[in-house]
């Protein structure tokens, strides 16, 4: 599903559904620890280096939470790499 990010009027689109398992694979290739959990109600969670949490809600929207440290920005970069910004 499209998400607003980046700035006013920006829309992020992907040609397919962005999967947390794909994001996890990319993070592991970058030598980061990432654990995936499927939660009740269609939600999903990815915990990265024990610091950053990426969640997908039941509507498919992604949310990234954590302190503004290097890991947070690297996770955000990986996620943004899955989208095209319009």
C-alpha atoms as a PDB file:
ATOM      1  CA  UNK A   1       0.000   0.000   0.000  1.00  0.00           C
ATOM      2  CA  UNK A   2       1.260   3.530  -0.687  1.00  0.00           C
ATOM      3  CA  UNK A   3       2.704   5.398   2.264  1.00  0.00           C
ATOM      4  CA  UNK A   4       3.522   9.044   2.724  1.00  0.00           C
ATOM      5  CA  UNK A   5       7.100   9.753   3.762  1.00  0.00           C
ATOM      6  CA  UNK A   6       9.999  11.966   3.003  1.00  0.00           C
ATOM      7  CA  UNK A   7       8.190  15.246   2.632  1.00  0.00           C
ATOM      8  CA  UNK A   8       4.917  16.916   1.854  1.00  0.00           C
ATOM      9  CA  UNK A   9       3.251  15.343  -1.121  1.00  0.00           C
ATOM     10  CA  UNK A  10       5.746  12.473  -1.384  1.00  0.00           C
ATOM     11  CA  UNK A  11       4.308   9.039  -2.069  1.00  0.00           C
ATOM     12  CA  UNK A  12       6.308   5.839  -1.807  1.00  0.00           C
ATOM     13  CA  UNK A  13       5.257   3.025  -4.134  1.00  0.00           C
ATOM     14  CA  UNK A  14       6.502  -0.496  -4.678  1.00  0.00           C
ATOM     15  CA  UNK A  15       5.923  -2.743  -7.680  1.00  0.00           C
ATOM     16  CA  UNK A  16       5.071  -5.578  -5.280  1.00  0.00           C
ATOM     17  CA  UNK A  17       4.254  -6.084  -1.621  1.00  0.00           C
ATOM     18  CA  UNK A  18       7.376  -5.311   0.435  1.00  0.00           C
ATOM     19  CA  UNK A  19       8.007  -8.306   2.674  1.00  0.00           C
ATOM     20  CA  UNK A  20       9.653  -8.044   6.084  1.00  0.00           C
ATOM     21  CA  UNK A  21      11.390 -11.331   5.321  1.00  0.00           C
ATOM     22  CA  UNK A  22      13.056  -9.689   2.293  1.00  0.00           C
ATOM     23  CA  UNK A  23      14.091  -6.722   4.420  1.00  0.00           C
ATOM     24  CA  UNK A  24      15.476  -9.181   6.999  1.00  0.00           C
ATOM     25  CA  UNK A  25      17.540 -10.922   4.315  1.00  0.00           C
ATOM     26  CA  UNK A  26      19.052  -7.615   3.200  1.00  0.00           C
ATOM     27  CA  UNK A  27      19.829  -6.617   6.787  1.00  0.00           C
ATOM     28  CA  UNK A  28      21.512  -9.978   7.432  1.00  0.00           C
ATOM     29  CA  UNK A  29      23.645  -9.421   4.321  1.00  0.00           C
ATOM     30  CA  UNK A  30      24.728  -6.135   5.925  1.00  0.00           C
ATOM     31  CA  UNK A  31      25.818  -8.112   9.015  1.00  0.00           C
ATOM     32  CA  UNK A  32      22.981  -6.869  11.199  1.00  0.00           C
ATOM     33  CA  UNK A  33      20.994  -9.128  13.532  1.00  0.00           C
ATOM     34  CA  UNK A  34      17.326  -9.275  12.579  1.00  0.00           C
ATOM     35  CA  UNK A  35      14.632 -11.510  14.049  1.00  0.00           C
ATOM     36  CA  UNK A  36      11.222 -11.894  12.376  1.00  0.00           C
ATOM     37  CA  UNK A  37       7.958 -12.680  14.145  1.00  0.00           C
ATOM     38  CA  UNK A  38       4.468 -13.169  12.717  1.00  0.00           C
ATOM     39  CA  UNK A  39       1.892 -11.774  15.147  1.00  0.00           C
ATOM     40  CA  UNK A  40      -1.853 -12.357  15.536  1.00  0.00           C
ATOM     41  CA  UNK A  41      -4.160 -10.429  13.216  1.00  0.00           C
ATOM     42  CA  UNK A  42      -1.814 -10.437  10.227  1.00  0.00           C
ATOM     43  CA  UNK A  43       0.750  -8.175  11.897  1.00  0.00           C
ATOM     44  CA  UNK A  44       4.484  -8.775  11.523  1.00  0.00           C
ATOM     45  CA  UNK A  45       7.501  -7.562  13.481  1.00  0.00           C
ATOM     46  CA  UNK A  46      11.204  -7.367  12.741  1.00  0.00           C
ATOM     47  CA  UNK A  47      13.624  -6.530  15.563  1.00  0.00           C
ATOM     48  CA  UNK A  48      16.994  -5.296  14.331  1.00  0.00           C
ATOM     49  CA  UNK A  49      20.096  -5.394  16.548  1.00  0.00           C
ATOM     50  CA  UNK A  50      17.766  -5.362  19.562  1.00  0.00           C
ATOM     51  CA  UNK A  51      17.246  -1.626  19.005  1.00  0.00           C
ATOM     52  CA  UNK A  52      15.065  -0.933  15.955  1.00  0.00           C
ATOM     53  CA  UNK A  53      11.557  -2.355  15.513  1.00  0.00           C
ATOM     54  CA  UNK A  54       9.882  -2.573  12.104  1.00  0.00           C
ATOM     55  CA  UNK A  55       6.200  -3.499  12.197  1.00  0.00           C
ATOM     56  CA  UNK A  56       3.659  -4.181   9.482  1.00  0.00           C
ATOM     57  CA  UNK A  57       0.074  -3.710  10.613  1.00  0.00           C
ATOM     58  CA  UNK A  58      -2.971  -5.577   9.367  1.00  0.00           C
ATOM     59  CA  UNK A  59      -3.430  -2.963   6.585  1.00  0.00           C
ATOM     60  CA  UNK A  60       0.101  -3.551   5.306  1.00  0.00           C
ATOM     61  CA  UNK A  61       1.529  -0.222   6.507  1.00  0.00           C
ATOM     62  CA  UNK A  62       5.125  -0.246   7.769  1.00  0.00           C
ATOM     63  CA  UNK A  63       6.251   1.547  10.920  1.00  0.00           C
ATOM     64  CA  UNK A  64       9.887   1.949  12.041  1.00  0.00           C
ATOM     65  CA  UNK A  65      10.610   2.772  15.673  1.00  0.00           C
ATOM     66  CA  UNK A  66      13.773   3.165  17.690  1.00  0.00           C
ATOM     67  CA  UNK A  67      16.387   5.646  18.803  1.00  0.00           C
ATOM     68  CA  UNK A  68      17.893   7.845  16.103  1.00  0.00           C
ATOM     69  CA  UNK A  69      21.173   5.940  15.918  1.00  0.00           C
ATOM     70  CA  UNK A  70      23.132   4.479  12.985  1.00  0.00           C
ATOM     71  CA  UNK A  71      21.094   1.239  13.014  1.00  0.00           C
ATOM     72  CA  UNK A  72      17.825   3.168  12.649  1.00  0.00           C
ATOM     73  CA  UNK A  73      19.062   5.047   9.593  1.00  0.00           C
ATOM     74  CA  UNK A  74      20.484   1.902   7.982  1.00  0.00           C
ATOM     75  CA  UNK A  75      17.162   0.075   8.443  1.00  0.00           C
ATOM     76  CA  UNK A  76      15.316   3.063   6.997  1.00  0.00           C
ATOM     77  CA  UNK A  77      17.674   3.097   4.006  1.00  0.00           C
ATOM     78  CA  UNK A  78      16.989  -0.601   3.331  1.00  0.00           C
ATOM     79  CA  UNK A  79      13.231  -0.049   3.532  1.00  0.00           C
ATOM     80  CA  UNK A  80      13.349   3.044   1.314  1.00  0.00           C
ATOM     81  CA  UNK A  81      15.359   0.975  -1.202  1.00  0.00           C
ATOM     82  CA  UNK A  82      12.263  -1.198  -1.667  1.00  0.00           C
ATOM     83  CA  UNK A  83      10.183   1.761  -2.879  1.00  0.00           C
ATOM     84  CA  UNK A  84      10.107   4.395  -5.601  1.00  0.00           C
ATOM     85  CA  UNK A  85       9.478   7.925  -4.322  1.00  0.00           C
ATOM     86  CA  UNK A  86       7.076  10.041  -6.383  1.00  0.00           C
END
